[in-house]
C-alpha atoms as a PDB file:
ATOM      1  CA  UNK A   1     -47.913 -10.797 -47.321  1.00  0.00           C
ATOM      2  CA  UNK A   2     -50.762  -9.343 -45.278  1.00  0.00           C
ATOM      3  CA  UNK A   3     -50.776  -5.580 -44.733  1.00  0.00           C
ATOM      4  CA  UNK A   4     -50.560  -4.667 -41.052  1.00  0.00           C
ATOM      5  CA  UNK A   5     -53.149  -2.318 -39.490  1.00  0.00           C
ATOM      6  CA  UNK A   6     -50.446   0.380 -39.377  1.00  0.00           C
ATOM      7  CA  UNK A   7     -49.688  -0.090 -43.071  1.00  0.00           C
ATOM      8  CA  UNK A   8     -53.388  -0.016 -43.973  1.00  0.00           C
ATOM      9  CA  UNK A   9     -53.703   3.313 -42.181  1.00  0.00           C
ATOM     10  CA  UNK A  10     -50.771   4.722 -44.149  1.00  0.00           C
ATOM     11  CA  UNK A  11     -52.329   3.469 -47.378  1.00  0.00           C
ATOM     12  CA  UNK A  12     -55.676   5.015 -46.471  1.00  0.00           C
ATOM     13  CA  UNK A  13     -54.015   8.446 -46.431  1.00  0.00           C
ATOM     14  CA  UNK A  14     -53.251   7.859 -50.118  1.00  0.00           C
ATOM     15  CA  UNK A  15     -56.764   6.549 -50.855  1.00  0.00           C
ATOM     16  CA  UNK A  16     -55.397   3.013 -51.288  1.00  0.00           C
ATOM     17  CA  UNK A  17     -57.099  -0.112 -49.933  1.00  0.00           C
ATOM     18  CA  UNK A  18     -55.693  -3.625 -49.599  1.00  0.00           C
ATOM     19  CA  UNK A  19     -57.841  -6.718 -49.190  1.00  0.00           C
ATOM     20  CA  UNK A  20     -61.233  -5.090 -49.761  1.00  0.00           C
ATOM     21  CA  UNK A  21     -63.634  -5.446 -52.676  1.00  0.00           C
ATOM     22  CA  UNK A  22     -64.591  -2.174 -54.419  1.00  0.00           C
ATOM     23  CA  UNK A  23     -68.261  -1.315 -53.871  1.00  0.00           C
ATOM     24  CA  UNK A  24     -68.562   0.886 -56.976  1.00  0.00           C
ATOM     25  CA  UNK A  25     -65.774  -0.390 -59.235  1.00  0.00           C
ATOM     26  CA  UNK A  26     -64.633   0.916 -62.583  1.00  0.00           C
ATOM     27  CA  UNK A  27     -65.112  -1.587 -65.379  1.00  0.00           C
ATOM     28  CA  UNK A  28     -62.278  -3.858 -66.527  1.00  0.00           C
ATOM     29  CA  UNK A  29     -63.178  -2.801 -70.079  1.00  0.00           C
ATOM     30  CA  UNK A  30     -61.267   0.397 -70.812  1.00  0.00           C
ATOM     31  CA  UNK A  31     -63.865   1.954 -73.121  1.00  0.00           C
ATOM     32  CA  UNK A  32     -66.547   1.422 -70.503  1.00  0.00           C
ATOM     33  CA  UNK A  33     -64.242   2.732 -67.777  1.00  0.00           C
ATOM     34  CA  UNK A  34     -63.714   5.989 -69.692  1.00  0.00           C
ATOM     35  CA  UNK A  35     -67.483   6.458 -69.943  1.00  0.00           C
ATOM     36  CA  UNK A  36     -67.795   5.783 -66.212  1.00  0.00           C
ATOM     37  CA  UNK A  37     -65.049   8.288 -65.464  1.00  0.00           C
ATOM     38  CA  UNK A  38     -66.752  10.981 -67.545  1.00  0.00           C
ATOM     39  CA  UNK A  39     -70.008  10.494 -65.684  1.00  0.00           C
ATOM     40  CA  UNK A  40     -68.323  10.251 -62.286  1.00  0.00           C
ATOM     41  CA  UNK A  41     -66.162  13.378 -62.560  1.00  0.00           C
ATOM     42  CA  UNK A  42     -68.742  15.324 -64.564  1.00  0.00           C
ATOM     43  CA  UNK A  43     -66.805  15.762 -67.793  1.00  0.00           C
ATOM     44  CA  UNK A  44     -68.035  15.719 -71.376  1.00  0.00           C
ATOM     45  CA  UNK A  45     -64.431  15.469 -72.544  1.00  0.00           C
ATOM     46  CA  UNK A  46     -62.595  12.132 -72.720  1.00  0.00           C
ATOM     47  CA  UNK A  47     -59.199  13.734 -72.148  1.00  0.00           C
ATOM     48  CA  UNK A  48     -60.306  15.630 -69.039  1.00  0.00           C
ATOM     49  CA  UNK A  49     -61.783  12.424 -67.587  1.00  0.00           C
ATOM     50  CA  UNK A  50     -58.560  10.478 -68.195  1.00  0.00           C
ATOM     51  CA  UNK A  51     -56.468  13.292 -66.735  1.00  0.00           C
ATOM     52  CA  UNK A  52     -58.768  13.241 -63.691  1.00  0.00           C
ATOM     53  CA  UNK A  53     -58.087   9.507 -63.341  1.00  0.00           C
ATOM     54  CA  UNK A  54     -54.332  10.085 -63.274  1.00  0.00           C
ATOM     55  CA  UNK A  55     -54.592  12.872 -60.704  1.00  0.00           C
ATOM     56  CA  UNK A  56     -56.301  10.299 -58.490  1.00  0.00           C
ATOM     57  CA  UNK A  57     -54.026   7.406 -59.500  1.00  0.00           C
ATOM     58  CA  UNK A  58     -50.979   9.545 -58.676  1.00  0.00           C
ATOM     59  CA  UNK A  59     -51.739   8.917 -55.012  1.00  0.00           C
ATOM     60  CA  UNK A  60     -51.234   5.181 -55.479  1.00  0.00           C
ATOM     61  CA  UNK A  61     -47.911   5.664 -57.272  1.00  0.00           C
ATOM     62  CA  UNK A  62     -46.803   8.020 -54.495  1.00  0.00           C
ATOM     63  CA  UNK A  63     -47.923   5.488 -51.887  1.00  0.00           C
ATOM     64  CA  UNK A  64     -45.741   2.907 -53.602  1.00  0.00           C
ATOM     65  CA  UNK A  65     -42.679   5.132 -53.268  1.00  0.00           C
ATOM     66  CA  UNK A  66     -43.551   5.801 -49.622  1.00  0.00           C
ATOM     67  CA  UNK A  67     -43.725   2.046 -49.005  1.00  0.00           C
ATOM     68  CA  UNK A  68     -40.446   1.457 -50.831  1.00  0.00           C
ATOM     69  CA  UNK A  69     -38.350   4.117 -49.109  1.00  0.00           C
ATOM     70  CA  UNK A  70     -39.935   4.134 -45.644  1.00  0.00           C
ATOM     71  CA  UNK A  71     -41.297   0.632 -45.078  1.00  0.00           C
ATOM     72  CA  UNK A  72     -39.249  -1.754 -47.226  1.00  0.00           C
ATOM     73  CA  UNK A  73     -42.181  -3.127 -49.196  1.00  0.00           C
ATOM     74  CA  UNK A  74     -44.464  -2.382 -52.161  1.00  0.00           C
ATOM     75  CA  UNK A  75     -47.228  -3.902 -54.259  1.00  0.00           C
ATOM     76  CA  UNK A  76     -45.700  -5.911 -57.097  1.00  0.00           C
ATOM     77  CA  UNK A  77     -47.490  -6.420 -60.385  1.00  0.00           C
ATOM     78  CA  UNK A  78     -48.887  -4.437 -63.273  1.00  0.00           C
ATOM     79  CA  UNK A  79     -51.606  -1.852 -63.766  1.00  0.00           C
ATOM     80  CA  UNK A  80     -54.005  -4.609 -64.801  1.00  0.00           C
ATOM     81  CA  UNK A  81     -53.755  -6.125 -61.300  1.00  0.00           C
ATOM     82  CA  UNK A  82     -55.343  -3.054 -59.702  1.00  0.00           C
ATOM     83  CA  UNK A  83     -59.005  -2.154 -59.221  1.00  0.00           C
ATOM     84  CA  UNK A  84     -60.600   1.244 -58.746  1.00  0.00           C
ATOM     85  CA  UNK A  85     -63.512   2.256 -56.580  1.00  0.00           C
ATOM     86  CA  UNK A  86     -65.682   5.356 -56.988  1.00  0.00           C
ATOM     87  CA  UNK A  87     -66.000   7.044 -53.591  1.00  0.00           C
ATOM     88  CA  UNK A  88     -67.207  10.389 -52.278  1.00  0.00           C
ATOM     89  CA  UNK A  89     -65.192  12.277 -49.703  1.00  0.00           C
ATOM     90  CA  UNK A  90     -66.495  15.595 -48.370  1.00  0.00           C
ATOM     91  CA  UNK A  91     -68.809  15.664 -51.363  1.00  0.00           C
ATOM     92  CA  UNK A  92     -66.057  15.286 -53.965  1.00  0.00           C
ATOM     93  CA  UNK A  93     -66.116  12.437 -56.521  1.00  0.00           C
ATOM     94  CA  UNK A  94     -62.839  10.599 -55.948  1.00  0.00           C
ATOM     95  CA  UNK A  95     -61.212   7.277 -56.795  1.00  0.00           C
ATOM     96  CA  UNK A  96     -59.768   4.693 -54.435  1.00  0.00           C
ATOM     97  CA  UNK A  97     -57.129   2.262 -55.702  1.00  0.00           C
ATOM     98  CA  UNK A  98     -57.522  -1.355 -54.549  1.00  0.00           C
ATOM     99  CA  UNK A  99     -54.467  -3.617 -54.468  1.00  0.00           C
ATOM    100  CA  UNK A 100     -54.355  -7.326 -53.660  1.00  0.00           C
ATOM    101  CA  UNK A 101     -52.575  -8.017 -50.338  1.00  0.00           C
ATOM    102  CA  UNK A 102     -50.897 -11.087 -51.832  1.00  0.00           C
ATOM    103  CA  UNK A 103     -48.972  -8.725 -54.130  1.00  0.00           C
ATOM    104  CA  UNK A 104     -47.396  -6.906 -51.176  1.00  0.00           C
ATOM    105  CA  UNK A 105     -43.715  -7.882 -51.117  1.00  0.00           C
ATOM    106  CA  UNK A 106     -40.783  -7.082 -48.848  1.00  0.00           C
ATOM    107  CA  UNK A 107     -37.617  -5.634 -50.392  1.00  0.00           C
ATOM    108  CA  UNK A 108     -34.124  -4.828 -49.172  1.00  0.00           C
ATOM    109  CA  UNK A 109     -32.711  -1.317 -49.341  1.00  0.00           C
ATOM    110  CA  UNK A 110     -30.496  -2.365 -52.240  1.00  0.00           C
ATOM    111  CA  UNK A 111     -33.583  -3.555 -54.111  1.00  0.00           C
ATOM    112  CA  UNK A 112     -35.448  -0.274 -53.936  1.00  0.00           C
ATOM    113  CA  UNK A 113     -34.389   0.989 -57.354  1.00  0.00           C
ATOM    114  CA  UNK A 114     -35.590  -2.193 -59.066  1.00  0.00           C
ATOM    115  CA  UNK A 115     -38.910  -1.752 -57.258  1.00  0.00           C
ATOM    116  CA  UNK A 116     -39.113   1.883 -58.345  1.00  0.00           C
ATOM    117  CA  UNK A 117     -38.523   0.857 -61.946  1.00  0.00           C
ATOM    118  CA  UNK A 118     -41.307  -1.718 -61.736  1.00  0.00           C
ATOM    119  CA  UNK A 119     -43.705   0.908 -60.400  1.00  0.00           C
ATOM    120  CA  UNK A 120     -42.763   3.443 -63.080  1.00  0.00           C
ATOM    121  CA  UNK A 121     -42.951   0.989 -65.960  1.00  0.00           C
ATOM    122  CA  UNK A 122     -45.473  -1.697 -65.040  1.00  0.00           C
ATOM    123  CA  UNK A 123     -47.909   0.477 -63.100  1.00  0.00           C
ATOM    124  CA  UNK A 124     -47.509   4.073 -64.324  1.00  0.00           C
ATOM    125  CA  UNK A 125     -46.400   3.759 -67.957  1.00  0.00           C
ATOM    126  CA  UNK A 126     -48.607   0.716 -68.641  1.00  0.00           C
ATOM    127  CA  UNK A 127     -51.613   2.666 -67.359  1.00  0.00           C
ATOM    128  CA  UNK A 128     -50.777   5.644 -69.568  1.00  0.00           C
ATOM    129  CA  UNK A 129     -50.342   3.489 -72.671  1.00  0.00           C
ATOM    130  CA  UNK A 130     -53.558   1.579 -71.969  1.00  0.00           C
ATOM    131  CA  UNK A 131     -55.685   4.726 -71.724  1.00  0.00           C
ATOM    132  CA  UNK A 132     -53.998   6.286 -74.766  1.00  0.00           C
ATOM    133  CA  UNK A 133     -55.163   3.347 -76.862  1.00  0.00           C
ATOM    134  CA  UNK A 134     -58.680   4.771 -76.523  1.00  0.00           C
ATOM    135  CA  UNK A 135     -58.283   8.481 -75.756  1.00  0.00           C
ATOM    136  CA  UNK A 136     -56.106  11.075 -77.448  1.00  0.00           C
ATOM    137  CA  UNK A 137     -54.139  12.842 -74.712  1.00  0.00           C
ATOM    138  CA  UNK A 138     -50.504  13.836 -74.291  1.00  0.00           C
ATOM    139  CA  UNK A 139     -48.488  11.468 -72.089  1.00  0.00           C
ATOM    140  CA  UNK A 140     -46.766  14.544 -70.649  1.00  0.00           C
ATOM    141  CA  UNK A 141     -50.038  15.656 -69.027  1.00  0.00           C
ATOM    142  CA  UNK A 142     -50.458  12.262 -67.395  1.00  0.00           C
ATOM    143  CA  UNK A 143     -46.840  11.973 -66.272  1.00  0.00           C
ATOM    144  CA  UNK A 144     -46.968  15.473 -64.792  1.00  0.00           C
ATOM    145  CA  UNK A 145     -50.119  14.473 -62.900  1.00  0.00           C
ATOM    146  CA  UNK A 146     -48.250  11.520 -61.394  1.00  0.00           C
ATOM    147  CA  UNK A 147     -44.914  13.202 -60.797  1.00  0.00           C
ATOM    148  CA  UNK A 148     -46.355  16.361 -59.270  1.00  0.00           C
ATOM    149  CA  UNK A 149     -47.619  14.209 -56.416  1.00  0.00           C
ATOM    150  CA  UNK A 150     -44.317  12.336 -56.189  1.00  0.00           C
ATOM    151  CA  UNK A 151     -42.372  15.599 -55.929  1.00  0.00           C
ATOM    152  CA  UNK A 152     -44.480  16.642 -52.940  1.00  0.00           C
ATOM    153  CA  UNK A 153     -43.589  13.354 -51.272  1.00  0.00           C
ATOM    154  CA  UNK A 154     -39.862  13.766 -51.880  1.00  0.00           C
ATOM    155  CA  UNK A 155     -39.876  17.430 -50.832  1.00  0.00           C
ATOM    156  CA  UNK A 156     -41.123  16.290 -47.422  1.00  0.00           C
ATOM    157  CA  UNK A 157     -38.878  13.213 -47.334  1.00  0.00           C
ATOM    158  CA  UNK A 158     -35.847  15.422 -48.064  1.00  0.00           C
ATOM    159  CA  UNK A 159     -36.416  17.337 -44.801  1.00  0.00           C
ATOM    160  CA  UNK A 160     -36.037  14.112 -42.812  1.00  0.00           C
ATOM    161  CA  UNK A 161     -33.510  12.188 -44.887  1.00  0.00           C
ATOM    162  CA  UNK A 162     -31.747  14.547 -47.314  1.00  0.00           C
ATOM    163  CA  UNK A 163     -29.068  12.047 -48.347  1.00  0.00           C
ATOM    164  CA  UNK A 164     -31.555   9.297 -49.210  1.00  0.00           C
ATOM    165  CA  UNK A 165     -33.770  11.779 -51.050  1.00  0.00           C
ATOM    166  CA  UNK A 166     -30.775  12.968 -53.076  1.00  0.00           C
ATOM    167  CA  UNK A 167     -29.847   9.376 -53.979  1.00  0.00           C
ATOM    168  CA  UNK A 168     -33.372   8.603 -55.151  1.00  0.00           C
ATOM    169  CA  UNK A 169     -33.672  11.847 -57.078  1.00  0.00           C
ATOM    170  CA  UNK A 170     -30.346  11.251 -58.821  1.00  0.00           C
ATOM    171  CA  UNK A 171     -31.612   7.839 -59.921  1.00  0.00           C
ATOM    172  CA  UNK A 172     -34.987   9.205 -61.053  1.00  0.00           C
ATOM    173  CA  UNK A 173     -33.405  11.960 -63.135  1.00  0.00           C
ATOM    174  CA  UNK A 174     -31.323   9.520 -65.201  1.00  0.00           C
ATOM    175  CA  UNK A 175     -33.057   8.533 -68.454  1.00  0.00           C
ATOM    176  CA  UNK A 176     -31.197   5.212 -68.577  1.00  0.00           C
ATOM    177  CA  UNK A 177     -33.011   4.110 -65.416  1.00  0.00           C
ATOM    178  CA  UNK A 178     -36.443   4.602 -66.995  1.00  0.00           C
ATOM    179  CA  UNK A 179     -35.934   2.342 -70.031  1.00  0.00           C
ATOM    180  CA  UNK A 180     -37.886   1.049 -71.898  1.00  0.00           C
ATOM    181  CA  UNK A 181     -39.734   4.315 -71.134  1.00  0.00           C
ATOM    182  CA  UNK A 182     -38.127   6.705 -73.600  1.00  0.00           C
ATOM    183  CA  UNK A 183     -37.061   9.439 -71.173  1.00  0.00           C
ATOM    184  CA  UNK A 184     -36.980  10.526 -67.554  1.00  0.00           C
ATOM    185  CA  UNK A 185     -40.203  12.470 -67.354  1.00  0.00           C
ATOM    186  CA  UNK A 186     -39.093  13.705 -63.941  1.00  0.00           C
ATOM    187  CA  UNK A 187     -36.019  15.317 -65.503  1.00  0.00           C
ATOM    188  CA  UNK A 188     -38.260  16.981 -68.101  1.00  0.00           C
ATOM    189  CA  UNK A 189     -40.561  18.290 -65.362  1.00  0.00           C
ATOM    190  CA  UNK A 190     -38.006  19.291 -62.735  1.00  0.00           C
ATOM    191  CA  UNK A 191     -35.261  20.700 -64.946  1.00  0.00           C
ATOM    192  CA  UNK A 192     -32.729  22.505 -62.760  1.00  0.00           C
ATOM    193  CA  UNK A 193     -35.228  23.268 -59.987  1.00  0.00           C
ATOM    194  CA  UNK A 194     -34.719  22.100 -56.426  1.00  0.00           C
ATOM    195  CA  UNK A 195     -37.365  20.031 -54.664  1.00  0.00           C
ATOM    196  CA  UNK A 196     -38.255  23.015 -52.481  1.00  0.00           C
ATOM    197  CA  UNK A 197     -38.722  25.242 -55.520  1.00  0.00           C
ATOM    198  CA  UNK A 198     -40.716  22.527 -57.271  1.00  0.00           C
ATOM    199  CA  UNK A 199     -43.457  22.624 -54.640  1.00  0.00           C
ATOM    200  CA  UNK A 200     -43.526  26.378 -54.033  1.00  0.00           C
ATOM    201  CA  UNK A 201     -43.977  27.753 -57.543  1.00  0.00           C
ATOM    202  CA  UNK A 202     -45.561  26.751 -60.868  1.00  0.00           C
ATOM    203  CA  UNK A 203     -43.475  23.985 -62.419  1.00  0.00           C
ATOM    204  CA  UNK A 204     -45.542  21.822 -64.732  1.00  0.00           C
ATOM    205  CA  UNK A 205     -45.760  22.710 -68.414  1.00  0.00           C
ATOM    206  CA  UNK A 206     -49.241  21.315 -69.044  1.00  0.00           C
ATOM    207  CA  UNK A 207     -52.684  21.817 -67.518  1.00  0.00           C
ATOM    208  CA  UNK A 208     -54.172  18.821 -65.684  1.00  0.00           C
ATOM    209  CA  UNK A 209     -57.661  19.931 -66.869  1.00  0.00           C
ATOM    210  CA  UNK A 210     -59.174  19.908 -63.361  1.00  0.00           C
ATOM    211  CA  UNK A 211     -60.543  23.363 -64.103  1.00  0.00           C
ATOM    212  CA  UNK A 212     -62.727  21.734 -66.776  1.00  0.00           C
ATOM    213  CA  UNK A 213     -64.570  19.825 -64.033  1.00  0.00           C
ATOM    214  CA  UNK A 214     -67.387  21.482 -62.097  1.00  0.00           C
ATOM    215  CA  UNK A 215     -66.490  19.665 -58.865  1.00  0.00           C
ATOM    216  CA  UNK A 216     -62.939  21.062 -58.764  1.00  0.00           C
ATOM    217  CA  UNK A 217     -61.241  24.452 -58.832  1.00  0.00           C
ATOM    218  CA  UNK A 218     -58.283  25.624 -60.898  1.00  0.00           C
ATOM    219  CA  UNK A 219     -55.110  24.265 -59.311  1.00  0.00           C
ATOM    220  CA  UNK A 220     -52.853  26.671 -57.413  1.00  0.00           C
ATOM    221  CA  UNK A 221     -49.902  26.087 -59.734  1.00  0.00           C
ATOM    222  CA  UNK A 222     -51.826  25.834 -63.010  1.00  0.00           C
ATOM    223  CA  UNK A 223     -49.669  26.979 -65.966  1.00  0.00           C
ATOM    224  CA  UNK A 224     -52.838  28.269 -67.690  1.00  0.00           C
ATOM    225  CA  UNK A 225     -54.873  29.770 -64.812  1.00  0.00           C
ATOM    226  CA  UNK A 226     -56.577  32.438 -66.880  1.00  0.00           C
ATOM    227  CA  UNK A 227     -58.173  30.010 -69.344  1.00  0.00           C
ATOM    228  CA  UNK A 228     -61.438  29.692 -67.430  1.00  0.00           C
ATOM    229  CA  UNK A 229     -63.471  26.502 -67.782  1.00  0.00           C
ATOM    230  CA  UNK A 230     -66.486  28.413 -69.098  1.00  0.00           C
ATOM    231  CA  UNK A 231     -64.530  30.655 -71.424  1.00  0.00           C
END
């Protein structure tokens, strides 16, 4: 399925490209990719570089949910099907996710939960497990990087379609729906908080390590804001 010009514009807002070849791609070899990430984001620490990757990759996962709930389609496949391009935007070193247009598939409304599960397991969890084969970092940090972005999406979606947002959130909070992932990381992150509260106050339990990178500032909702990068 070819992405329409309208869909490509939506994807561009999430730093996602379909049908283009990356000009400055990350290596397919994970060890080499980690070294590239360290150089690109300016980190001497493997964990900070991997966390940086997942802050960027979170946009793709969020784009997938946007496609699923608003446009009846998504990119099928696994993490290994994706490519990543090093790009600069307003001087910041960022990453752009490249997906193959032939993986774009239409789904019915009743099929959206199966699509969500595929995204969570094949694209999010597979990516986390692949990086953790080479770098020691808590999966909670990486899941919070991904889900923080997803919560922003649903907080806005809830204003337009509260019933649909509630249905999706109920599904996402149920551990059974995440299997074989061991738990609902969204339930662990959100707790009893509402979506509105989740995006207006500190929620995450871990630091995303952006403050370790010279190109970025400490995040607004950092749980450890007083641990300065140069301390």
